[in-house]
């Protein structure tokens, strides 16, 4: 989906449902029944008006989750756009989280527009909307360590060249080792400009029978649909809260349910767990910290640990 990422395994869906818990008073999820089958939930806003969250069919089998005035069906707002291949229960999970955020006064969404009904989640940028003159420019990205990443045609075992990202360390000659799009994004801790450069390159070579784009296209699809996302903005938000003296690492961890006890029974937050999730410490057995975090964990730390909407710390 385009606004909220969720995992697809049965165990993770059950865990998400337990974490979300029951909807607050005056904010309830509606079971499917009769003509109201596509209504996911209702709530009363701060002005005393009854609103409802509904699911409507979108392009290519996708689902639009919409918040609107229940009586007039006006003031429609887009909560999420769920891809056709996502579990059917994701719309209900999104609704329940949205209702909890609305009860806390942190729910955010934008106005629904006509383009939403035609858009396909994760379909990539249409070729006719891409800046064609920019296609001829060098697709290069430099990370904080000075490593150059470039999209190039690699000649290997295949009879035709393959379009791939390559990494060249500082001071080395051109033509470094091939790396995935995900590795490029991790190196700069940002989806852009690597994502847009990849889209442009695929638009340029997508119909060229003399160039293989299969691997690069699959890498782009995985980046766009994976529930594992960058943690940079979340890390910045936590560090900002620490600098202002609003919270400590221990307090944030406790709010997330990560508590440890010493021999005397004294409780403290599991700060090492939080530091690893934020990319401040490496995982056990690893030399480097990770720039990635599961979207469910990001939402937990943002919502419960910092008291803000997960959307505020998503890249």
Protein backbone atom coordinates (compact mmCIF):
# COMPACT_ATOMS: atom_id res chain seq x y z
CA UNK A 1 0.00 0.00 0.00
CA UNK A 2 1.19 3.47 -0.57
CA UNK A 3 0.85 4.99 2.92
CA UNK A 4 1.19 2.24 5.47
CA UNK A 5 3.33 -0.84 5.09
CA UNK A 6 2.39 -4.15 6.71
CA UNK A 7 3.88 -7.62 6.68
CA UNK A 8 2.14 -10.48 4.94
CA UNK A 9 2.82 -13.51 7.15
CA UNK A 10 -0.01 -14.93 9.23
CA UNK A 11 2.02 -14.67 12.43
CA UNK A 12 2.83 -11.00 11.83
CA UNK A 13 -0.81 -10.21 11.00
CA UNK A 14 -1.94 -11.86 14.24
CA UNK A 15 0.73 -9.93 16.15
CA UNK A 16 -0.36 -6.67 14.54
CA UNK A 17 -3.95 -7.35 15.51
CA UNK A 18 -2.97 -8.01 19.13
CA UNK A 19 -0.87 -4.83 19.20
CA UNK A 20 -3.68 -2.70 17.84
CA UNK A 21 -6.11 -4.02 20.44
CA UNK A 22 -9.67 -2.81 20.75
CA UNK A 23 -10.77 0.48 19.22
CA UNK A 24 -11.37 3.31 21.70
CA UNK A 25 -14.78 4.40 22.87
CA UNK A 26 -16.81 6.13 20.15
CA UNK A 27 -14.32 4.68 17.64
CA UNK A 28 -15.41 1.23 16.58
CA UNK A 29 -14.69 -1.14 13.75
CA UNK A 30 -17.79 -2.32 11.91
CA UNK A 31 -18.19 -5.98 10.95
CA UNK A 32 -19.15 -6.75 7.37
CA UNK A 33 -22.93 -6.98 7.01
CA UNK A 34 -25.55 -6.32 4.37
CA UNK A 35 -25.22 -3.12 2.36
CA UNK A 36 -22.63 -1.81 4.82
CA UNK A 37 -20.14 -4.48 3.84
CA UNK A 38 -17.47 -2.02 2.68
CA UNK A 39 -17.73 0.17 5.76
CA UNK A 40 -14.68 -0.49 7.96
CA UNK A 41 -15.42 1.78 10.94
CA UNK A 42 -17.01 4.95 12.29
CA UNK A 43 -16.02 7.68 14.71
CA UNK A 44 -17.10 11.10 15.93
CA UNK A 45 -14.71 13.95 15.20
CA UNK A 46 -13.92 16.91 17.46
CA UNK A 47 -16.79 18.92 15.98
CA UNK A 48 -19.30 16.22 16.90
CA UNK A 49 -19.81 15.00 13.34
CA UNK A 50 -20.03 11.31 12.56
CA UNK A 51 -17.48 10.13 10.04
CA UNK A 52 -16.89 6.71 8.52
CA UNK A 53 -13.96 4.84 7.06
CA UNK A 54 -14.86 2.88 3.93
CA UNK A 55 -13.08 0.65 1.44
CA UNK A 56 -13.62 1.32 -2.25
CA UNK A 57 -12.28 -0.49 -5.29
CA UNK A 58 -9.37 1.23 -7.01
CA UNK A 59 -7.43 0.66 -10.21
CA UNK A 60 -6.06 -2.81 -11.07
CA UNK A 61 -7.82 -4.49 -8.17
CA UNK A 62 -6.38 -2.15 -5.54
CA UNK A 63 -8.35 -0.84 -2.54
CA UNK A 64 -8.80 2.77 -1.46
CA UNK A 65 -9.36 3.29 2.28
CA UNK A 66 -11.31 6.55 2.60
CA UNK A 67 -12.41 8.70 5.54
CA UNK A 68 -15.57 10.73 4.82
CA UNK A 69 -18.58 12.39 6.41
CA UNK A 70 -21.12 9.67 7.10
CA UNK A 71 -24.24 11.71 6.35
CA UNK A 72 -23.15 13.76 3.35
CA UNK A 73 -20.37 11.44 2.08
CA UNK A 74 -18.42 14.63 1.42
CA UNK A 75 -14.99 15.77 2.67
CA UNK A 76 -13.43 12.49 1.48
CA UNK A 77 -9.85 11.87 2.62
CA UNK A 78 -7.43 9.16 1.51
CA UNK A 79 -6.20 7.06 4.43
CA UNK A 80 -4.35 4.38 2.44
CA UNK A 81 -4.08 2.83 -1.00
CA UNK A 82 -3.65 -0.94 -0.76
CA UNK A 83 -2.21 -2.97 -3.64
CA UNK A 84 -4.18 -5.86 -5.11
CA UNK A 85 -1.71 -8.51 -3.95
CA UNK A 86 -1.83 -7.50 -0.28
CA UNK A 87 -3.83 -9.56 2.25
CA UNK A 88 -7.54 -8.75 2.30
CA UNK A 89 -7.38 -7.99 6.03
CA UNK A 90 -4.94 -5.11 5.59
CA UNK A 91 -7.74 -2.61 4.96
CA UNK A 92 -9.29 -3.45 8.34
CA UNK A 93 -5.90 -3.22 10.08
CA UNK A 94 -5.26 0.18 8.51
CA UNK A 95 -8.71 1.36 9.63
CA UNK A 96 -8.19 0.26 13.23
CA UNK A 97 -4.83 2.03 13.45
CA UNK A 98 -6.32 5.14 11.85
CA UNK A 99 -9.17 5.21 14.38
CA UNK A 100 -6.72 4.94 17.28
CA UNK A 101 -4.63 7.78 15.81
CA UNK A 102 -7.79 9.85 15.34
CA UNK A 103 -8.76 9.28 18.98
CA UNK A 104 -5.32 10.53 20.03
CA UNK A 105 -5.61 13.56 17.75
CA UNK A 106 -2.67 12.50 15.56
CA UNK A 107 -4.50 10.99 12.59
CA UNK A 108 -3.37 12.43 9.30
CA UNK A 109 -4.52 11.97 5.72
CA UNK A 110 -4.95 14.09 2.61
CA UNK A 111 -7.93 15.03 0.51
CA UNK A 112 -9.05 12.42 -2.00
CA UNK A 113 -8.59 13.44 -5.64
CA UNK A 114 -9.66 12.06 -9.01
CA UNK A 115 -6.18 10.69 -9.75
CA UNK A 116 -6.40 8.30 -6.79
CA UNK A 117 -9.07 6.22 -8.56
CA UNK A 118 -6.73 5.73 -11.53
CA UNK A 119 -3.46 5.26 -9.68
CA UNK A 120 -1.92 1.80 -9.19
CA UNK A 121 0.15 1.38 -5.99
CA UNK A 122 3.85 0.69 -6.65
CA UNK A 123 3.32 0.66 -10.40
CA UNK A 124 6.14 3.14 -10.86
CA UNK A 125 6.08 6.46 -12.63
CA UNK A 126 4.34 6.36 -16.06
CA UNK A 127 6.84 6.70 -18.86
CA UNK A 128 5.01 9.65 -20.36
CA UNK A 129 5.47 11.58 -17.09
CA UNK A 130 9.24 11.04 -16.87
CA UNK A 131 11.62 13.86 -17.68
CA UNK A 132 12.85 12.50 -21.02
CA UNK A 133 15.80 14.91 -21.41
CA UNK A 134 17.08 13.69 -18.07
CA UNK A 135 17.31 10.11 -19.34
CA UNK A 136 20.58 10.80 -21.11
CA UNK A 137 22.31 12.15 -18.02
CA UNK A 138 24.66 9.98 -16.01
CA UNK A 139 22.81 8.09 -13.30
CA UNK A 140 25.22 8.55 -10.41
CA UNK A 141 24.89 8.74 -6.63
CA UNK A 142 27.66 9.46 -4.10
CA UNK A 143 27.26 8.36 -0.48
CA UNK A 144 28.72 9.87 2.70
CA UNK A 145 31.84 7.69 2.46
CA UNK A 146 32.67 9.03 -0.98
CA UNK A 147 31.69 5.83 -2.81
CA UNK A 148 30.28 6.42 -6.27
CA UNK A 149 27.23 4.43 -7.37
CA UNK A 150 26.36 4.41 -11.06
CA UNK A 151 23.87 2.68 -13.34
CA UNK A 152 25.86 0.95 -16.05
CA UNK A 153 25.59 -1.82 -18.63
CA UNK A 154 27.40 -4.91 -17.38
CA UNK A 155 28.75 -7.51 -19.81
CA UNK A 156 28.71 -10.93 -18.20
CA UNK A 157 27.55 -14.45 -18.95
CA UNK A 158 24.48 -13.23 -20.82
CA UNK A 159 24.55 -12.62 -24.55
CA UNK A 160 23.28 -9.07 -23.97
CA UNK A 161 24.46 -6.47 -21.43
CA UNK A 162 22.60 -6.14 -18.14
CA UNK A 163 21.56 -2.81 -16.59
CA UNK A 164 22.75 -2.75 -12.97
CA UNK A 165 23.97 -0.45 -10.23
CA UNK A 166 27.73 -0.60 -9.55
CA UNK A 167 29.72 0.70 -6.58
CA UNK A 168 33.15 2.25 -6.92
CA UNK A 169 35.08 3.03 -3.68
CA UNK A 170 36.86 6.39 -3.40
CA UNK A 171 40.06 6.55 -5.43
CA UNK A 172 39.32 3.39 -7.42
CA UNK A 173 39.03 3.10 -11.17
CA UNK A 174 35.53 3.01 -12.72
CA UNK A 175 33.79 -0.33 -13.06
CA UNK A 176 33.21 -1.47 -9.48
CA UNK A 177 31.28 -4.47 -8.22
CA UNK A 178 27.55 -4.73 -8.99
CA UNK A 179 25.23 -3.91 -6.07
CA UNK A 180 21.47 -3.97 -5.63
CA UNK A 181 19.27 -0.88 -5.64
CA UNK A 182 18.56 -1.62 -1.98
CA UNK A 183 22.28 -1.42 -1.20
CA UNK A 184 22.54 1.94 -2.96
CA UNK A 185 19.60 3.29 -0.97
CA UNK A 186 21.12 1.98 2.26
CA UNK A 187 24.44 3.67 1.49
CA UNK A 188 22.87 7.13 1.21
CA UNK A 189 20.01 6.41 3.68
CA UNK A 190 17.53 7.93 1.25
CA UNK A 191 15.27 6.53 -1.45
CA UNK A 192 16.06 9.44 -3.72
CA UNK A 193 17.65 10.04 -6.13
CA UNK A 194 18.39 6.31 -6.69
CA UNK A 195 14.72 5.39 -7.08
CA UNK A 196 13.98 8.07 -9.67
CA UNK A 197 17.20 7.34 -11.56
CA UNK A 198 16.22 3.68 -11.70
CA UNK A 199 12.76 4.55 -13.02
CA UNK A 200 14.29 6.73 -15.72
CA UNK A 201 16.76 4.05 -16.75
CA UNK A 202 14.00 1.44 -16.98
CA UNK A 203 11.89 3.80 -19.07
CA UNK A 204 14.83 4.31 -21.42
CA UNK A 205 15.80 0.65 -21.78
CA UNK A 206 12.55 -1.12 -20.87
CA UNK A 207 11.63 -1.90 -24.49
CA UNK A 208 15.18 -2.43 -25.71
CA UNK A 209 15.65 -6.10 -26.59
CA UNK A 210 19.40 -5.58 -26.55
CA UNK A 211 19.53 -4.77 -22.81
CA UNK A 212 18.42 -6.94 -19.88
CA UNK A 213 16.51 -5.06 -17.18
CA UNK A 214 14.96 -8.04 -15.36
CA UNK A 215 17.15 -7.87 -12.24
CA UNK A 216 16.93 -4.11 -11.88
CA UNK A 217 13.15 -4.14 -12.34
CA UNK A 218 12.79 -6.82 -9.66
CA UNK A 219 15.02 -4.84 -7.28
CA UNK A 220 12.83 -1.76 -7.74
CA UNK A 221 9.65 -3.76 -7.06
CA UNK A 222 11.13 -5.18 -3.84
CA UNK A 223 12.12 -1.73 -2.61
CA UNK A 224 8.65 -0.35 -3.31
CA UNK A 225 6.73 -3.17 -1.64
CA UNK A 226 9.00 -4.28 1.21
CA UNK A 227 7.81 -3.70 4.82
CA UNK A 228 11.47 -3.09 5.73
CA UNK A 229 12.03 0.67 5.51
CA UNK A 230 14.74 3.22 6.28
CA UNK A 231 15.09 4.29 9.91
CA UNK A 232 16.95 7.60 9.40
CA UNK A 233 14.06 9.96 10.03
CA UNK A 234 12.96 7.98 13.10
CA UNK A 235 16.51 8.12 14.45
CA UNK A 236 16.61 11.87 13.90
CA UNK A 237 13.28 12.29 15.75
CA UNK A 238 14.52 10.28 18.74
CA UNK A 239 17.82 12.16 18.92
CA UNK A 240 15.96 15.46 18.68
CA UNK A 241 13.74 14.46 21.61
CA UNK A 242 16.84 13.51 23.62
CA UNK A 243 18.53 16.82 22.85
CA UNK A 244 15.49 18.75 24.05
CA UNK A 245 15.41 16.71 27.25
CA UNK A 246 11.84 15.56 26.64
CA UNK A 247 12.58 11.83 26.86
CA UNK A 248 15.40 9.41 27.54
CA UNK A 249 16.27 6.26 25.63
CA UNK A 250 15.12 4.24 28.64
CA UNK A 251 11.74 5.99 28.76
CA UNK A 252 11.14 5.41 25.06
CA UNK A 253 12.03 1.72 25.37
CA UNK A 254 9.71 1.28 28.36
CA UNK A 255 6.86 2.91 26.44
CA UNK A 256 7.46 0.35 23.70
CA UNK A 257 7.19 -2.49 26.20
CA UNK A 258 10.93 -3.28 26.19
CA UNK A 259 11.75 -3.54 29.89
CA UNK A 260 14.65 -5.23 31.69
CA UNK A 261 15.09 -5.88 35.42
CA UNK A 262 18.20 -6.20 37.53
CA UNK A 263 18.72 -8.64 40.37
CA UNK A 264 16.91 -6.35 42.80
CA UNK A 265 13.88 -6.10 40.52
CA UNK A 266 14.52 -2.52 39.43
CA UNK A 267 13.09 -1.83 36.00
CA UNK A 268 14.74 0.08 33.17
CA UNK A 269 14.20 0.42 29.47
CA UNK A 270 16.05 -1.91 27.13
CA UNK A 271 18.07 0.83 25.48
CA UNK A 272 20.25 -1.56 23.48
CA UNK A 273 17.16 -2.85 21.67
CA UNK A 274 16.13 0.70 20.83
CA UNK A 275 19.63 1.70 19.72
CA UNK A 276 19.82 -1.28 17.35
CA UNK A 277 16.44 -0.49 15.83
CA UNK A 278 17.52 3.12 15.26
CA UNK A 279 20.82 2.16 13.67
CA UNK A 280 22.88 3.57 16.56
CA UNK A 281 24.34 0.17 17.47
CA UNK A 282 25.05 -2.87 15.27
CA UNK A 283 23.10 -6.06 15.65
CA UNK A 284 24.76 -8.90 17.52
CA UNK A 285 27.67 -10.30 15.54
CA UNK A 286 27.63 -7.44 13.04
CA UNK A 287 30.21 -4.72 12.57
CA UNK A 288 27.95 -2.05 11.19
CA UNK A 289 24.60 -0.74 12.30
CA UNK A 290 21.64 -1.21 9.99
CA UNK A 291 19.80 1.62 8.22
CA UNK A 292 16.66 -0.55 8.05
CA UNK A 293 13.72 -1.20 10.35
CA UNK A 294 10.46 -3.10 10.00
CA UNK A 295 7.55 -0.74 9.41
CA UNK A 296 5.62 -2.27 12.32
CA UNK A 297 8.52 -1.55 14.70
CA UNK A 298 8.89 1.96 13.29
CA UNK A 299 5.20 2.55 13.98
CA UNK A 300 5.54 1.17 17.53
CA UNK A 301 8.48 3.43 18.42
CA UNK A 302 6.90 6.49 16.82
CA UNK A 303 3.41 6.02 18.21
CA UNK A 304 4.08 4.59 21.68
CA UNK A 305 7.66 5.70 22.29
CA UNK A 306 7.53 9.26 20.91
CA UNK A 307 3.79 9.89 20.85
CA UNK A 308 3.74 10.98 17.21
CA UNK A 309 2.20 9.63 14.02
CA UNK A 310 4.35 7.04 12.20
CA UNK A 311 3.86 9.07 9.04
CA UNK A 312 5.96 11.85 10.53
CA UNK A 313 9.04 9.62 10.56
CA UNK A 314 8.55 7.71 7.31
CA UNK A 315 10.84 8.49 4.41
